[in-house]
Amino acid sequence: MKEFKVTYFFDEDYYIRRFIYAESQEKVEELIQNERDEYISFTDSREIYHELNTRRVRVTQIAEYHRKDNEKKATGRDKT
């Protein structure tokens, strides 16, 4: 599974990010398209609950996300 970052922009100052695990970007695109004009809810990695109306979203961006392991970076263990 790959991790994808989905960003919902409501205007130039306000946005919400969501991380989705899926096999491909096409699967994430399909999910986002199926959620159009609906209320959706999710809990982020900080355990914050979000509920939003996708009808009010102006722009949605989807990108594969490559999470950095900060612990490895701090100790220099990422250079194997």
PDB file of N, CA and C in Angstrom:
ATOM      1  N   MET A   1       0.837  -1.193   0.000  1.00  0.00           N
ATOM      2  CA  MET A   1       0.000   0.000   0.000  1.00  0.00           C
ATOM      3  C   MET A   1       0.875   1.247   0.000  1.00  0.00           C
ATOM      4  N   LYS A   2       0.399   2.248  -0.706  1.00  0.00           N
ATOM      5  CA  LYS A   2       1.068   3.541  -0.753  1.00  0.00           C
ATOM      6  C   LYS A   2       0.259   4.532   0.077  1.00  0.00           C
ATOM      7  N   GLU A   3       0.925   5.581   0.510  1.00  0.00           N
ATOM      8  CA  GLU A   3       0.248   6.625   1.260  1.00  0.00           C
ATOM      9  C   GLU A   3       0.084   7.851   0.359  1.00  0.00           C
ATOM     10  N   PHE A   4      -1.115   8.426   0.362  1.00  0.00           N
ATOM     11  CA  PHE A   4      -1.413   9.591  -0.455  1.00  0.00           C
ATOM     12  C   PHE A   4      -1.900  10.730   0.437  1.00  0.00           C
ATOM     13  N   LYS A   5      -1.455  11.929   0.094  1.00  0.00           N
ATOM     14  CA  LYS A   5      -1.876  13.134   0.801  1.00  0.00           C
ATOM     15  C   LYS A   5      -2.949  13.803  -0.040  1.00  0.00           C
ATOM     16  N   VAL A   6      -4.101  14.022   0.555  1.00  0.00           N
ATOM     17  CA  VAL A   6      -5.203  14.712  -0.113  1.00  0.00           C
ATOM     18  C   VAL A   6      -5.394  16.039   0.606  1.00  0.00           C
ATOM     19  N   THR A   7      -5.353  17.124  -0.146  1.00  0.00           N
ATOM     20  CA  THR A   7      -5.537  18.453   0.434  1.00  0.00           C
ATOM     21  C   THR A   7      -6.789  19.064  -0.155  1.00  0.00           C
ATOM     22  N   TYR A   8      -7.710  19.453   0.728  1.00  0.00           N
ATOM     23  CA  TYR A   8      -8.949  20.115   0.326  1.00  0.00           C
ATOM     24  C   TYR A   8      -8.777  21.608   0.611  1.00  0.00           C
ATOM     25  N   PHE A   9      -8.831  22.438  -0.434  1.00  0.00           N
ATOM     26  CA  PHE A   9      -8.704  23.880  -0.278  1.00  0.00           C
ATOM     27  C   PHE A   9     -10.087  24.515  -0.340  1.00  0.00           C
ATOM     28  N   PHE A  10     -10.394  25.340   0.661  1.00  0.00           N
ATOM     29  CA  PHE A  10     -11.664  26.055   0.690  1.00  0.00           C
ATOM     30  C   PHE A  10     -11.499  27.485   0.181  1.00  0.00           C
ATOM     31  N   ASP A  11     -10.349  28.064   0.420  1.00  0.00           N
ATOM     32  CA  ASP A  11      -9.954  29.361  -0.138  1.00  0.00           C
ATOM     33  C   ASP A  11      -8.440  29.420  -0.038  1.00  0.00           C
ATOM     34  N   GLU A  12      -7.862  30.584  -0.291  1.00  0.00           N
ATOM     35  CA  GLU A  12      -6.393  30.630  -0.295  1.00  0.00           C
ATOM     36  C   GLU A  12      -5.772  30.502   1.090  1.00  0.00           C
ATOM     37  N   ASP A  13      -6.565  30.621   2.147  1.00  0.00           N
ATOM     38  CA  ASP A  13      -6.030  30.556   3.508  1.00  0.00           C
ATOM     39  C   ASP A  13      -6.425  29.305   4.286  1.00  0.00           C
ATOM     40  N   TYR A  14      -7.463  28.629   3.879  1.00  0.00           N
ATOM     41  CA  TYR A  14      -8.000  27.540   4.689  1.00  0.00           C
ATOM     42  C   TYR A  14      -8.012  26.233   3.909  1.00  0.00           C
ATOM     43  N   TYR A  15      -7.407  25.209   4.511  1.00  0.00           N
ATOM     44  CA  TYR A  15      -7.387  23.893   3.882  1.00  0.00           C
ATOM     45  C   TYR A  15      -7.325  22.812   4.955  1.00  0.00           C
ATOM     46  N   ILE A  16      -7.651  21.599   4.560  1.00  0.00           N
ATOM     47  CA  ILE A  16      -7.575  20.424   5.430  1.00  0.00           C
ATOM     48  C   ILE A  16      -6.824  19.347   4.671  1.00  0.00           C
ATOM     49  N   ARG A  17      -5.924  18.658   5.364  1.00  0.00           N
ATOM     50  CA  ARG A  17      -5.192  17.545   4.750  1.00  0.00           C
ATOM     51  C   ARG A  17      -5.683  16.235   5.322  1.00  0.00           C
ATOM     52  N   ARG A  18      -5.663  15.250   4.456  1.00  0.00           N
ATOM     53  CA  ARG A  18      -6.108  13.898   4.809  1.00  0.00           C
ATOM     54  C   ARG A  18      -5.119  12.927   4.182  1.00  0.00           C
ATOM     55  N   PHE A  19      -4.762  11.892   4.905  1.00  0.00           N
ATOM     56  CA  PHE A  19      -3.848  10.883   4.386  1.00  0.00           C
ATOM     57  C   PHE A  19      -4.609   9.589   4.185  1.00  0.00           C
ATOM     58  N   ILE A  20      -4.448   8.999   2.997  1.00  0.00           N
ATOM     59  CA  ILE A  20      -5.188   7.805   2.617  1.00  0.00           C
ATOM     60  C   ILE A  20      -4.195   6.753   2.142  1.00  0.00           C
ATOM     61  N   TYR A  21      -4.374   5.530   2.600  1.00  0.00           N
ATOM     62  CA  TYR A  21      -3.575   4.410   2.108  1.00  0.00           C
ATOM     63  C   TYR A  21      -4.372   3.701   1.028  1.00  0.00           C
ATOM     64  N   ALA A  22      -3.738   3.508  -0.123  1.00  0.00           N
ATOM     65  CA  ALA A  22      -4.398   2.839  -1.247  1.00  0.00           C
ATOM     66  C   ALA A  22      -3.337   2.199  -2.138  1.00  0.00           C
ATOM     67  N   GLU A  23      -3.789   1.349  -3.031  1.00  0.00           N
ATOM     68  CA  GLU A  23      -2.873   0.661  -3.940  1.00  0.00           C
ATOM     69  C   GLU A  23      -2.344   1.573  -5.041  1.00  0.00           C
ATOM     70  N   SER A  24      -3.138   2.585  -5.433  1.00  0.00           N
ATOM     71  CA  SER A  24      -2.712   3.454  -6.534  1.00  0.00           C
ATOM     72  C   SER A  24      -3.395   4.808  -6.412  1.00  0.00           C
ATOM     73  N   GLN A  25      -2.839   5.781  -7.111  1.00  0.00           N
ATOM     74  CA  GLN A  25      -3.444   7.107  -7.124  1.00  0.00           C
ATOM     75  C   GLN A  25      -4.817   7.055  -7.790  1.00  0.00           C
ATOM     76  N   GLU A  26      -4.978   6.188  -8.761  1.00  0.00           N
ATOM     77  CA  GLU A  26      -6.272   6.058  -9.432  1.00  0.00           C
ATOM     78  C   GLU A  26      -7.369   5.663  -8.446  1.00  0.00           C
ATOM     79  N   LYS A  27      -7.045   4.788  -7.487  1.00  0.00           N
ATOM     80  CA  LYS A  27      -8.029   4.369  -6.468  1.00  0.00           C
ATOM     81  C   LYS A  27      -8.401   5.548  -5.575  1.00  0.00           C
ATOM     82  N   VAL A  28      -7.422   6.377  -5.236  1.00  0.00           N
ATOM     83  CA  VAL A  28      -7.700   7.557  -4.415  1.00  0.00           C
ATOM     84  C   VAL A  28      -8.556   8.547  -5.204  1.00  0.00           C
ATOM     85  N   GLU A  29      -8.229   8.756  -6.459  1.00  0.00           N
ATOM     86  CA  GLU A  29      -9.025   9.654  -7.298  1.00  0.00           C
ATOM     87  C   GLU A  29     -10.471   9.177  -7.369  1.00  0.00           C
ATOM     88  N   GLU A  30     -10.654   7.883  -7.528  1.00  0.00           N
ATOM     89  CA  GLU A  30     -12.009   7.313  -7.583  1.00  0.00           C
ATOM     90  C   GLU A  30     -12.753   7.567  -6.271  1.00  0.00           C
ATOM     91  N   LEU A  31     -12.077   7.361  -5.141  1.00  0.00           N
ATOM     92  CA  LEU A  31     -12.688   7.618  -3.841  1.00  0.00           C
ATOM     93  C   LEU A  31     -13.104   9.078  -3.705  1.00  0.00           C
ATOM     94  N   ILE A  32     -12.205   9.994  -4.066  1.00  0.00           N
ATOM     95  CA  ILE A  32     -12.491  11.424  -3.955  1.00  0.00           C
ATOM     96  C   ILE A  32     -13.652  11.817  -4.860  1.00  0.00           C
ATOM     97  N   GLN A  33     -13.684  11.276  -6.063  1.00  0.00           N
ATOM     98  CA  GLN A  33     -14.789  11.575  -6.982  1.00  0.00           C
ATOM     99  C   GLN A  33     -16.111  11.048  -6.446  1.00  0.00           C
ATOM    100  N   ASN A  34     -16.100   9.896  -5.795  1.00  0.00           N
ATOM    101  CA  ASN A  34     -17.327   9.332  -5.238  1.00  0.00           C
ATOM    102  C   ASN A  34     -17.815  10.104  -4.018  1.00  0.00           C
ATOM    103  N   GLU A  35     -16.938  10.868  -3.386  1.00  0.00           N
ATOM    104  CA  GLU A  35     -17.309  11.645  -2.200  1.00  0.00           C
ATOM    105  C   GLU A  35     -17.765  13.063  -2.535  1.00  0.00           C
ATOM    106  N   ARG A  36     -17.790  13.417  -3.793  1.00  0.00           N
ATOM    107  CA  ARG A  36     -18.178  14.780  -4.192  1.00  0.00           C
ATOM    108  C   ARG A  36     -19.567  15.125  -3.691  1.00  0.00           C
ATOM    109  N   ASP A  37     -19.693  16.373  -3.235  1.00  0.00           N
ATOM    110  CA  ASP A  37     -20.981  16.917  -2.793  1.00  0.00           C
ATOM    111  C   ASP A  37     -21.592  16.139  -1.634  1.00  0.00           C
ATOM    112  N   GLU A  38     -20.754  15.580  -0.792  1.00  0.00           N
ATOM    113  CA  GLU A  38     -21.222  14.841   0.375  1.00  0.00           C
ATOM    114  C   GLU A  38     -20.505  15.338   1.620  1.00  0.00           C
ATOM    115  N   TYR A  39     -21.048  14.985   2.766  1.00  0.00           N
ATOM    116  CA  TYR A  39     -20.331  15.178   4.019  1.00  0.00           C
ATOM    117  C   TYR A  39     -19.439  13.966   4.218  1.00  0.00           C
ATOM    118  N   ILE A  40     -18.181  14.202   4.558  1.00  0.00           N
ATOM    119  CA  ILE A  40     -17.277  13.113   4.881  1.00  0.00           C
ATOM    120  C   ILE A  40     -16.667  13.398   6.246  1.00  0.00           C
ATOM    121  N   SER A  41     -16.171  12.365   6.904  1.00  0.00           N
ATOM    122  CA  SER A  41     -15.510  12.547   8.187  1.00  0.00           C
ATOM    123  C   SER A  41     -14.303  11.628   8.267  1.00  0.00           C
ATOM    124  N   PHE A  42     -13.301  12.075   9.003  1.00  0.00           N
ATOM    125  CA  PHE A  42     -12.104  11.277   9.217  1.00  0.00           C
ATOM    126  C   PHE A  42     -11.358  11.826  10.423  1.00  0.00           C
ATOM    127  N   THR A  43     -10.502  11.000  10.996  1.00  0.00           N
ATOM    128  CA  THR A  43      -9.651  11.392  12.111  1.00  0.00           C
ATOM    129  C   THR A  43      -8.216  11.412  11.606  1.00  0.00           C
ATOM    130  N   ASP A  44      -7.508  12.504  11.872  1.00  0.00           N
ATOM    131  CA  ASP A  44      -6.143  12.611  11.369  1.00  0.00           C
ATOM    132  C   ASP A  44      -5.150  11.962  12.328  1.00  0.00           C
ATOM    133  N   SER A  45      -3.871  12.038  11.975  1.00  0.00           N
ATOM    134  CA  SER A  45      -2.828  11.373  12.762  1.00  0.00           C
ATOM    135  C   SER A  45      -2.679  11.968  14.157  1.00  0.00           C
ATOM    136  N   ARG A  46      -3.186  13.166  14.368  1.00  0.00           N
ATOM    137  CA  ARG A  46      -3.140  13.798  15.691  1.00  0.00           C
ATOM    138  C   ARG A  46      -4.394  13.491  16.497  1.00  0.00           C
ATOM    139  N   GLU A  47      -5.225  12.587  15.969  1.00  0.00           N
ATOM    140  CA  GLU A  47      -6.484  12.190  16.610  1.00  0.00           C
ATOM    141  C   GLU A  47      -7.501  13.333  16.642  1.00  0.00           C
ATOM    142  N   ILE A  48      -7.421  14.223  15.648  1.00  0.00           N
ATOM    143  CA  ILE A  48      -8.398  15.299  15.511  1.00  0.00           C
ATOM    144  C   ILE A  48      -9.454  14.843  14.514  1.00  0.00           C
ATOM    145  N   TYR A  49     -10.705  14.933  14.935  1.00  0.00           N
ATOM    146  CA  TYR A  49     -11.828  14.530  14.090  1.00  0.00           C
ATOM    147  C   TYR A  49     -12.195  15.673  13.150  1.00  0.00           C
ATOM    148  N   HIS A  50     -12.356  15.362  11.868  1.00  0.00           N
ATOM    149  CA  HIS A  50     -12.758  16.345  10.861  1.00  0.00           C
ATOM    150  C   HIS A  50     -14.046  15.870  10.196  1.00  0.00           C
ATOM    151  N   GLU A  51     -14.927  16.809   9.978  1.00  0.00           N
ATOM    152  CA  GLU A  51     -16.145  16.553   9.218  1.00  0.00           C
ATOM    153  C   GLU A  51     -16.300  17.717   8.260  1.00  0.00           C
ATOM    154  N   LEU A  52     -16.392  17.410   6.984  1.00  0.00           N
ATOM    155  CA  LEU A  52     -16.476  18.507   6.028  1.00  0.00           C
ATOM    156  C   LEU A  52     -17.460  18.192   4.916  1.00  0.00           C
ATOM    157  N   ASN A  53     -17.973  19.271   4.352  1.00  0.00           N
ATOM    158  CA  ASN A  53     -18.882  19.182   3.225  1.00  0.00           C
ATOM    159  C   ASN A  53     -18.046  19.388   1.971  1.00  0.00           C
ATOM    160  N   THR A  54     -17.872  18.353   1.176  1.00  0.00           N
ATOM    161  CA  THR A  54     -17.027  18.454  -0.014  1.00  0.00           C
ATOM    162  C   THR A  54     -17.604  19.396  -1.060  1.00  0.00           C
ATOM    163  N   ARG A  55     -18.862  19.738  -0.932  1.00  0.00           N
ATOM    164  CA  ARG A  55     -19.477  20.684  -1.876  1.00  0.00           C
ATOM    165  C   ARG A  55     -18.806  22.056  -1.788  1.00  0.00           C
ATOM    166  N   ARG A  56     -18.274  22.396  -0.619  1.00  0.00           N
ATOM    167  CA  ARG A  56     -17.658  23.709  -0.404  1.00  0.00           C
ATOM    168  C   ARG A  56     -16.169  23.747  -0.755  1.00  0.00           C
ATOM    169  N   VAL A  57     -15.627  22.620  -1.180  1.00  0.00           N
ATOM    170  CA  VAL A  57     -14.211  22.568  -1.550  1.00  0.00           C
ATOM    171  C   VAL A  57     -14.026  23.196  -2.923  1.00  0.00           C
ATOM    172  N   ARG A  58     -13.019  24.057  -3.053  1.00  0.00           N
ATOM    173  CA  ARG A  58     -12.754  24.703  -4.335  1.00  0.00           C
ATOM    174  C   ARG A  58     -11.735  23.927  -5.154  1.00  0.00           C
ATOM    175  N   VAL A  59     -10.705  23.394  -4.477  1.00  0.00           N
ATOM    176  CA  VAL A  59      -9.651  22.650  -5.160  1.00  0.00           C
ATOM    177  C   VAL A  59      -9.278  21.452  -4.302  1.00  0.00           C
ATOM    178  N   THR A  60      -9.065  20.314  -4.951  1.00  0.00           N
ATOM    179  CA  THR A  60      -8.581  19.130  -4.262  1.00  0.00           C
ATOM    180  C   THR A  60      -7.288  18.689  -4.931  1.00  0.00           C
ATOM    181  N   GLN A  61      -6.255  18.476  -4.128  1.00  0.00           N
ATOM    182  CA  GLN A  61      -4.981  17.995  -4.654  1.00  0.00           C
ATOM    183  C   GLN A  61      -4.706  16.608  -4.079  1.00  0.00           C
ATOM    184  N   ILE A  62      -4.178  15.730  -4.922  1.00  0.00           N
ATOM    185  CA  ILE A  62      -3.797  14.383  -4.502  1.00  0.00           C
ATOM    186  C   ILE A  62      -2.347  14.172  -4.902  1.00  0.00           C
ATOM    187  N   ALA A  63      -1.543  13.686  -3.963  1.00  0.00           N
ATOM    188  CA  ALA A  63      -0.142  13.412  -4.262  1.00  0.00           C
ATOM    189  C   ALA A  63       0.321  12.223  -3.428  1.00  0.00           C
ATOM    190  N   GLU A  64       1.171  11.391  -4.022  1.00  0.00           N
ATOM    191  CA  GLU A  64       1.756  10.313  -3.236  1.00  0.00           C
ATOM    192  C   GLU A  64       2.649  10.945  -2.180  1.00  0.00           C
ATOM    193  N   TYR A  65       2.574  10.420  -0.971  1.00  0.00           N
ATOM    194  CA  TYR A  65       3.311  11.000   0.148  1.00  0.00           C
ATOM    195  C   TYR A  65       4.403  10.044   0.569  1.00  0.00           C
ATOM    196  N   HIS A  66       5.603  10.568   0.734  1.00  0.00           N
ATOM    197  CA  HIS A  66       6.744   9.773   1.180  1.00  0.00           C
ATOM    198  C   HIS A  66       7.140  10.279   2.555  1.00  0.00           C
ATOM    199  N   ARG A  67       6.621   9.592   3.569  1.00  0.00           N
ATOM    200  CA  ARG A  67       6.838  10.014   4.950  1.00  0.00           C
ATOM    201  C   ARG A  67       8.300   9.848   5.326  1.00  0.00           C
ATOM    202  N   LYS A  68       8.862  10.879   5.921  1.00  0.00           N
ATOM    203  CA  LYS A  68      10.245  10.845   6.370  1.00  0.00           C
ATOM    204  C   LYS A  68      10.280  10.313   7.800  1.00  0.00           C
ATOM    205  N   ASP A  69      11.236   9.453   8.071  1.00  0.00           N
ATOM    206  CA  ASP A  69      11.396   8.915   9.407  1.00  0.00           C
ATOM    207  C   ASP A  69      12.363   9.828  10.156  1.00  0.00           C
ATOM    208  N   ASN A  70      11.820  10.727  10.973  1.00  0.00           N
ATOM    209  CA  ASN A  70      12.641  11.710  11.676  1.00  0.00           C
ATOM    210  C   ASN A  70      13.604  11.069  12.662  1.00  0.00           C
ATOM    211  N   GLU A  71      13.238   9.938  13.245  1.00  0.00           N
ATOM    212  CA  GLU A  71      14.121   9.276  14.203  1.00  0.00           C
ATOM    213  C   GLU A  71      15.390   8.786  13.506  1.00  0.00           C
ATOM    214  N   LYS A  72      15.236   8.175  12.338  1.00  0.00           N
ATOM    215  CA  LYS A  72      16.397   7.708  11.583  1.00  0.00           C
ATOM    216  C   LYS A  72      17.283   8.876  11.176  1.00  0.00           C
ATOM    217  N   LYS A  73      16.669   9.960  10.741  1.00  0.00           N
ATOM    218  CA  LYS A  73      17.410  11.121  10.293  1.00  0.00           C
ATOM    219  C   LYS A  73      18.226  11.717  11.445  1.00  0.00           C
ATOM    220  N   ALA A  74      17.625  11.777  12.632  1.00  0.00           N
ATOM    221  CA  ALA A  74      18.294  12.375  13.784  1.00  0.00           C
ATOM    222  C   ALA A  74      19.497  11.566  14.228  1.00  0.00           C
ATOM    223  N   THR A  75      19.443  10.252  14.086  1.00  0.00           N
ATOM    224  CA  THR A  75      20.530   9.417  14.552  1.00  0.00           C
ATOM    225  C   THR A  75      21.499   9.049  13.440  1.00  0.00           C
ATOM    226  N   GLY A  76      21.163   9.410  12.203  1.00  0.00           N
ATOM    227  CA  GLY A  76      22.032   9.097  11.082  1.00  0.00           C
ATOM    228  C   GLY A  76      21.912   7.664  10.606  1.00  0.00           C
ATOM    229  N   ARG A  77      20.886   6.940  11.065  1.00  0.00           N
ATOM    230  CA  ARG A  77      20.700   5.543  10.684  1.00  0.00           C
ATOM    231  C   ARG A  77      20.108   5.366   9.295  1.00  0.00           C
ATOM    232  N   ASP A  78      19.764   6.448   8.631  1.00  0.00           N
ATOM    233  CA  ASP A  78      19.178   6.325   7.294  1.00  0.00           C
ATOM    234  C   ASP A  78      20.231   6.131   6.214  1.00  0.00           C
ATOM    235  N   LYS A  79      21.479   6.130   6.561  1.00  0.00           N
ATOM    236  CA  LYS A  79      22.562   5.962   5.596  1.00  0.00           C
ATOM    237  C   LYS A  79      23.147   4.559   5.702  1.00  0.00           C
ATOM    238  N   THR A  80      22.404   3.572   5.262  1.00  0.00           N
ATOM    239  CA  THR A  80      22.868   2.194   5.324  1.00  0.00           C
ATOM    240  C   THR A  80      23.329   1.702   3.979  1.00  0.00           C
TER     241      THR A  80
END
